[in-house]
């Protein structure tokens, strides 16, 4: 998995802490460990089979907050 971090443009820096991009060219399971840091988050994901959250086995939408 390739991970990139981008600093937001000055125009949106007051509401955007950082932009993280995760890319993987694999069909195996990927674990993303997110944690509460006091900032709301938005996630966009594009996969062939969607994203499944475990252990609840909940299928996530393409875009969620």
PDB file of N, CA and C in Angstrom:
ATOM      1  N   UNK A   1       0.846  -1.169   0.000  1.00  0.00           N
ATOM      2  CA  UNK A   1       0.000   0.000   0.000  1.00  0.00           C
ATOM      3  C   UNK A   1       0.893   1.234   0.000  1.00  0.00           C
ATOM      4  N   UNK A   2       0.539   2.188  -0.822  1.00  0.00           N
ATOM      5  CA  UNK A   2       1.242   3.465  -0.901  1.00  0.00           C
ATOM      6  C   UNK A   2       0.424   4.505  -0.156  1.00  0.00           C
ATOM      7  N   UNK A   3       1.058   5.241   0.738  1.00  0.00           N
ATOM      8  CA  UNK A   3       0.386   6.270   1.522  1.00  0.00           C
ATOM      9  C   UNK A   3       1.020   7.623   1.226  1.00  0.00           C
ATOM     10  N   UNK A   4       0.184   8.622   0.972  1.00  0.00           N
ATOM     11  CA  UNK A   4       0.660   9.986   0.742  1.00  0.00           C
ATOM     12  C   UNK A   4      -0.115  10.934   1.643  1.00  0.00           C
ATOM     13  N   UNK A   5       0.561  11.958   2.145  1.00  0.00           N
ATOM     14  CA  UNK A   5      -0.075  12.994   2.953  1.00  0.00           C
ATOM     15  C   UNK A   5       0.145  14.332   2.270  1.00  0.00           C
ATOM     16  N   UNK A   6      -0.920  15.101   2.126  1.00  0.00           N
ATOM     17  CA  UNK A   6      -0.845  16.408   1.490  1.00  0.00           C
ATOM     18  C   UNK A   6      -1.303  17.477   2.473  1.00  0.00           C
ATOM     19  N   UNK A   7      -0.660  18.600   2.442  1.00  0.00           N
ATOM     20  CA  UNK A   7      -1.077  19.755   3.232  1.00  0.00           C
ATOM     21  C   UNK A   7      -2.144  20.494   2.431  1.00  0.00           C
ATOM     22  N   UNK A   8      -3.206  20.927   3.088  1.00  0.00           N
ATOM     23  CA  UNK A   8      -4.270  21.622   2.361  1.00  0.00           C
ATOM     24  C   UNK A   8      -3.834  23.007   1.885  1.00  0.00           C
ATOM     25  N   UNK A   9      -4.489  23.487   0.864  1.00  0.00           N
ATOM     26  CA  UNK A   9      -4.269  24.840   0.371  1.00  0.00           C
ATOM     27  C   UNK A   9      -4.622  25.824   1.493  1.00  0.00           C
ATOM     28  N   UNK A  10      -3.968  26.972   1.505  1.00  0.00           N
ATOM     29  CA  UNK A  10      -4.207  27.981   2.548  1.00  0.00           C
ATOM     30  C   UNK A  10      -5.677  28.387   2.646  1.00  0.00           C
ATOM     31  N   UNK A  11      -6.392  28.337   1.517  1.00  0.00           N
ATOM     32  CA  UNK A  11      -7.793  28.756   1.494  1.00  0.00           C
ATOM     33  C   UNK A  11      -8.689  27.847   2.330  1.00  0.00           C
ATOM     34  N   UNK A  12      -8.297  26.581   2.502  1.00  0.00           N
ATOM     35  CA  UNK A  12      -9.130  25.645   3.260  1.00  0.00           C
ATOM     36  C   UNK A  12      -8.432  25.111   4.514  1.00  0.00           C
ATOM     37  N   UNK A  13      -7.240  25.595   4.796  1.00  0.00           N
ATOM     38  CA  UNK A  13      -6.458  25.079   5.926  1.00  0.00           C
ATOM     39  C   UNK A  13      -7.144  25.292   7.278  1.00  0.00           C
ATOM     40  N   UNK A  14      -8.037  26.256   7.365  1.00  0.00           N
ATOM     41  CA  UNK A  14      -8.711  26.504   8.642  1.00  0.00           C
ATOM     42  C   UNK A  14      -9.773  25.436   8.942  1.00  0.00           C
ATOM     43  N   UNK A  15     -10.166  24.642   7.943  1.00  0.00           N
ATOM     44  CA  UNK A  15     -11.137  23.571   8.181  1.00  0.00           C
ATOM     45  C   UNK A  15     -10.614  22.182   7.787  1.00  0.00           C
ATOM     46  N   UNK A  16      -9.471  22.115   7.104  1.00  0.00           N
ATOM     47  CA  UNK A  16      -8.907  20.831   6.673  1.00  0.00           C
ATOM     48  C   UNK A  16      -7.537  20.665   7.307  1.00  0.00           C
ATOM     49  N   UNK A  17      -7.390  19.636   8.143  1.00  0.00           N
ATOM     50  CA  UNK A  17      -6.120  19.380   8.812  1.00  0.00           C
ATOM     51  C   UNK A  17      -5.103  18.795   7.847  1.00  0.00           C
ATOM     52  N   UNK A  18      -5.484  17.761   7.119  1.00  0.00           N
ATOM     53  CA  UNK A  18      -4.597  17.118   6.156  1.00  0.00           C
ATOM     54  C   UNK A  18      -5.400  16.264   5.196  1.00  0.00           C
ATOM     55  N   UNK A  19      -4.768  15.897   4.100  1.00  0.00           N
ATOM     56  CA  UNK A  19      -5.384  15.041   3.093  1.00  0.00           C
ATOM     57  C   UNK A  19      -4.522  13.794   2.990  1.00  0.00           C
ATOM     58  N   UNK A  20      -5.120  12.640   3.250  1.00  0.00           N
ATOM     59  CA  UNK A  20      -4.398  11.374   3.209  1.00  0.00           C
ATOM     60  C   UNK A  20      -4.893  10.563   2.024  1.00  0.00           C
ATOM     61  N   UNK A  21      -3.954   9.983   1.269  1.00  0.00           N
ATOM     62  CA  UNK A  21      -4.305   9.149   0.129  1.00  0.00           C
ATOM     63  C   UNK A  21      -3.658   7.790   0.338  1.00  0.00           C
ATOM     64  N   UNK A  22      -4.487   6.733   0.302  1.00  0.00           N
ATOM     65  CA  UNK A  22      -4.015   5.361   0.419  1.00  0.00           C
ATOM     66  C   UNK A  22      -4.308   4.663  -0.901  1.00  0.00           C
ATOM     67  N   UNK A  23      -3.291   4.050  -1.508  1.00  0.00           N
ATOM     68  CA  UNK A  23      -3.488   3.309  -2.752  1.00  0.00           C
ATOM     69  C   UNK A  23      -2.957   1.908  -2.589  1.00  0.00           C
ATOM     70  N   UNK A  24      -3.737   0.943  -3.053  1.00  0.00           N
ATOM     71  CA  UNK A  24      -3.309  -0.449  -2.988  1.00  0.00           C
ATOM     72  C   UNK A  24      -3.737  -1.154  -4.267  1.00  0.00           C
ATOM     73  N   UNK A  25      -2.826  -1.879  -4.891  1.00  0.00           N
ATOM     74  CA  UNK A  25      -3.129  -2.665  -6.086  1.00  0.00           C
ATOM     75  C   UNK A  25      -3.207  -4.134  -5.709  1.00  0.00           C
ATOM     76  N   UNK A  26      -4.046  -4.427  -4.742  1.00  0.00           N
ATOM     77  CA  UNK A  26      -4.132  -5.795  -4.254  1.00  0.00           C
ATOM     78  C   UNK A  26      -5.574  -6.168  -3.959  1.00  0.00           C
ATOM     79  N   UNK A  27      -5.844  -7.431  -3.989  1.00  0.00           N
ATOM     80  CA  UNK A  27      -7.182  -7.899  -3.638  1.00  0.00           C
ATOM     81  C   UNK A  27      -7.218  -8.413  -2.207  1.00  0.00           C
ATOM     82  N   UNK A  28      -6.079  -8.361  -1.529  1.00  0.00           N
ATOM     83  CA  UNK A  28      -6.047  -8.834  -0.150  1.00  0.00           C
ATOM     84  C   UNK A  28      -6.624  -7.774   0.791  1.00  0.00           C
ATOM     85  N   UNK A  29      -6.873  -8.177   2.015  1.00  0.00           N
ATOM     86  CA  UNK A  29      -7.455  -7.296   3.019  1.00  0.00           C
ATOM     87  C   UNK A  29      -6.467  -6.206   3.427  1.00  0.00           C
ATOM     88  N   UNK A  30      -6.945  -4.986   3.542  1.00  0.00           N
ATOM     89  CA  UNK A  30      -6.140  -3.863   3.996  1.00  0.00           C
ATOM     90  C   UNK A  30      -6.731  -3.344   5.295  1.00  0.00           C
ATOM     91  N   UNK A  31      -5.883  -3.126   6.280  1.00  0.00           N
ATOM     92  CA  UNK A  31      -6.332  -2.628   7.572  1.00  0.00           C
ATOM     93  C   UNK A  31      -5.951  -1.155   7.681  1.00  0.00           C
ATOM     94  N   UNK A  32      -6.943  -0.307   7.879  1.00  0.00           N
ATOM     95  CA  UNK A  32      -6.705   1.120   8.074  1.00  0.00           C
ATOM     96  C   UNK A  32      -7.045   1.443   9.518  1.00  0.00           C
ATOM     97  N   UNK A  33      -6.057   1.843  10.275  1.00  0.00           N
ATOM     98  CA  UNK A  33      -6.270   2.151  11.690  1.00  0.00           C
ATOM     99  C   UNK A  33      -6.473   3.648  11.866  1.00  0.00           C
ATOM    100  N   UNK A  34      -7.713   4.045  12.061  1.00  0.00           N
ATOM    101  CA  UNK A  34      -8.033   5.440  12.298  1.00  0.00           C
ATOM    102  C   UNK A  34      -8.312   5.634  13.777  1.00  0.00           C
ATOM    103  N   UNK A  35      -8.108   6.840  14.245  1.00  0.00           N
ATOM    104  CA  UNK A  35      -8.320   7.115  15.661  1.00  0.00           C
ATOM    105  C   UNK A  35      -8.932   8.497  15.811  1.00  0.00           C
ATOM    106  N   UNK A  36      -9.613   8.704  16.911  1.00  0.00           N
ATOM    107  CA  UNK A  36     -10.237   9.995  17.182  1.00  0.00           C
ATOM    108  C   UNK A  36      -9.168  11.028  17.512  1.00  0.00           C
ATOM    109  N   UNK A  37      -9.154  12.138  16.773  1.00  0.00           N
ATOM    110  CA  UNK A  37      -8.189  13.205  17.033  1.00  0.00           C
ATOM    111  C   UNK A  37      -8.867  14.554  17.231  1.00  0.00           C
ATOM    112  N   UNK A  38     -10.188  14.548  17.344  1.00  0.00           N
ATOM    113  CA  UNK A  38     -10.914  15.797  17.553  1.00  0.00           C
ATOM    114  C   UNK A  38     -11.341  16.479  16.273  1.00  0.00           C
ATOM    115  N   UNK A  39     -10.925  15.957  15.116  1.00  0.00           N
ATOM    116  CA  UNK A  39     -11.298  16.527  13.829  1.00  0.00           C
ATOM    117  C   UNK A  39     -12.306  15.605  13.154  1.00  0.00           C
ATOM    118  N   UNK A  40     -13.356  16.182  12.545  1.00  0.00           N
ATOM    119  CA  UNK A  40     -14.248  15.331  11.767  1.00  0.00           C
ATOM    120  C   UNK A  40     -13.508  14.828  10.533  1.00  0.00           C
ATOM    121  N   UNK A  41     -13.941  13.726   9.991  1.00  0.00           N
ATOM    122  CA  UNK A  41     -13.271  13.170   8.820  1.00  0.00           C
ATOM    123  C   UNK A  41     -14.257  12.861   7.713  1.00  0.00           C
ATOM    124  N   UNK A  42     -13.761  12.866   6.485  1.00  0.00           N
ATOM    125  CA  UNK A  42     -14.552  12.490   5.334  1.00  0.00           C
ATOM    126  C   UNK A  42     -13.715  11.481   4.558  1.00  0.00           C
ATOM    127  N   UNK A  43     -14.352  10.431   4.072  1.00  0.00           N
ATOM    128  CA  UNK A  43     -13.608   9.413   3.344  1.00  0.00           C
ATOM    129  C   UNK A  43     -14.303   9.093   2.039  1.00  0.00           C
ATOM    130  N   UNK A  44     -13.514   9.058   0.981  1.00  0.00           N
ATOM    131  CA  UNK A  44     -13.983   8.621  -0.331  1.00  0.00           C
ATOM    132  C   UNK A  44     -13.180   7.380  -0.661  1.00  0.00           C
ATOM    133  N   UNK A  45     -13.859   6.315  -1.057  1.00  0.00           N
ATOM    134  CA  UNK A  45     -13.141   5.102  -1.415  1.00  0.00           C
ATOM    135  C   UNK A  45     -13.661   4.574  -2.730  1.00  0.00           C
ATOM    136  N   UNK A  46     -12.751   4.100  -3.552  1.00  0.00           N
ATOM    137  CA  UNK A  46     -13.114   3.552  -4.854  1.00  0.00           C
ATOM    138  C   UNK A  46     -12.491   2.167  -4.967  1.00  0.00           C
ATOM    139  N   UNK A  47     -13.333   1.151  -4.929  1.00  0.00           N
ATOM    140  CA  UNK A  47     -12.863  -0.228  -5.038  1.00  0.00           C
ATOM    141  C   UNK A  47     -13.821  -1.016  -5.917  1.00  0.00           C
ATOM    142  N   UNK A  48     -13.357  -2.139  -6.417  1.00  0.00           N
ATOM    143  CA  UNK A  48     -14.213  -2.986  -7.245  1.00  0.00           C
ATOM    144  C   UNK A  48     -15.325  -3.629  -6.429  1.00  0.00           C
ATOM    145  N   UNK A  49     -15.004  -4.031  -5.191  1.00  0.00           N
ATOM    146  CA  UNK A  49     -15.965  -4.772  -4.377  1.00  0.00           C
ATOM    147  C   UNK A  49     -16.485  -3.997  -3.178  1.00  0.00           C
ATOM    148  N   UNK A  50     -16.194  -2.705  -3.094  1.00  0.00           N
ATOM    149  CA  UNK A  50     -16.645  -1.912  -1.966  1.00  0.00           C
ATOM    150  C   UNK A  50     -15.764  -2.108  -0.747  1.00  0.00           C
ATOM    151  N   UNK A  51     -16.168  -1.501   0.354  1.00  0.00           N
ATOM    152  CA  UNK A  51     -15.394  -1.556   1.588  1.00  0.00           C
ATOM    153  C   UNK A  51     -16.251  -2.183   2.674  1.00  0.00           C
ATOM    154  N   UNK A  52     -15.667  -3.125   3.388  1.00  0.00           N
ATOM    155  CA  UNK A  52     -16.363  -3.842   4.439  1.00  0.00           C
ATOM    156  C   UNK A  52     -15.671  -3.563   5.764  1.00  0.00           C
ATOM    157  N   UNK A  53     -16.446  -3.097   6.755  1.00  0.00           N
ATOM    158  CA  UNK A  53     -15.897  -2.815   8.082  1.00  0.00           C
ATOM    159  C   UNK A  53     -16.108  -4.038   8.962  1.00  0.00           C
ATOM    160  N   UNK A  54     -15.039  -4.440   9.615  1.00  0.00           N
ATOM    161  CA  UNK A  54     -15.110  -5.603  10.498  1.00  0.00           C
ATOM    162  C   UNK A  54     -14.945  -5.178  11.932  1.00  0.00           C
ATOM    163  N   UNK A  55     -15.449  -5.830  12.912  1.00  0.00           N
ATOM    164  CA  UNK A  55     -16.081  -7.144  12.885  1.00  0.00           C
ATOM    165  C   UNK A  55     -17.579  -7.085  12.595  1.00  0.00           C
ATOM    166  N   UNK A  56     -18.137  -5.906  12.335  1.00  0.00           N
ATOM    167  CA  UNK A  56     -19.584  -5.787  12.118  1.00  0.00           C
ATOM    168  C   UNK A  56     -20.024  -6.277  10.735  1.00  0.00           C
ATOM    169  N   UNK A  57     -19.089  -6.464   9.825  1.00  0.00           N
ATOM    170  CA  UNK A  57     -19.383  -6.864   8.435  1.00  0.00           C
ATOM    171  C   UNK A  57     -20.343  -5.880   7.781  1.00  0.00           C
ATOM    172  N   UNK A  58     -20.095  -4.591   8.027  1.00  0.00           N
ATOM    173  CA  UNK A  58     -20.936  -3.527   7.491  1.00  0.00           C
ATOM    174  C   UNK A  58     -20.327  -3.011   6.195  1.00  0.00           C
ATOM    175  N   UNK A  59     -21.130  -2.968   5.150  1.00  0.00           N
ATOM    176  CA  UNK A  59     -20.688  -2.449   3.865  1.00  0.00           C
ATOM    177  C   UNK A  59     -20.795  -0.927   3.902  1.00  0.00           C
ATOM    178  N   UNK A  60     -19.711  -0.231   3.582  1.00  0.00           N
ATOM    179  CA  UNK A  60     -19.674   1.230   3.654  1.00  0.00           C
ATOM    180  C   UNK A  60     -19.997   1.852   2.294  1.00  0.00           C
ATOM    181  N   UNK A  61     -20.622   3.033   2.299  1.00  0.00           N
ATOM    182  CA  UNK A  61     -20.879   3.732   1.042  1.00  0.00           C
ATOM    183  C   UNK A  61     -19.576   4.292   0.464  1.00  0.00           C
ATOM    184  N   UNK A  62     -19.642   4.746  -0.789  1.00  0.00           N
ATOM    185  CA  UNK A  62     -18.456   5.283  -1.459  1.00  0.00           C
ATOM    186  C   UNK A  62     -17.937   6.536  -0.757  1.00  0.00           C
ATOM    187  N   UNK A  63     -18.817   7.378  -0.255  1.00  0.00           N
ATOM    188  CA  UNK A  63     -18.440   8.613   0.424  1.00  0.00           C
ATOM    189  C   UNK A  63     -19.157   8.670   1.766  1.00  0.00           C
ATOM    190  N   UNK A  64     -18.384   8.880   2.831  1.00  0.00           N
ATOM    191  CA  UNK A  64     -19.006   8.980   4.140  1.00  0.00           C
ATOM    192  C   UNK A  64     -18.198   9.901   5.048  1.00  0.00           C
ATOM    193  N   UNK A  65     -18.867  10.404   6.093  1.00  0.00           N
ATOM    194  CA  UNK A  65     -18.240  11.317   7.055  1.00  0.00           C
ATOM    195  C   UNK A  65     -18.151  10.614   8.390  1.00  0.00           C
TER     196      UNK A  65
END
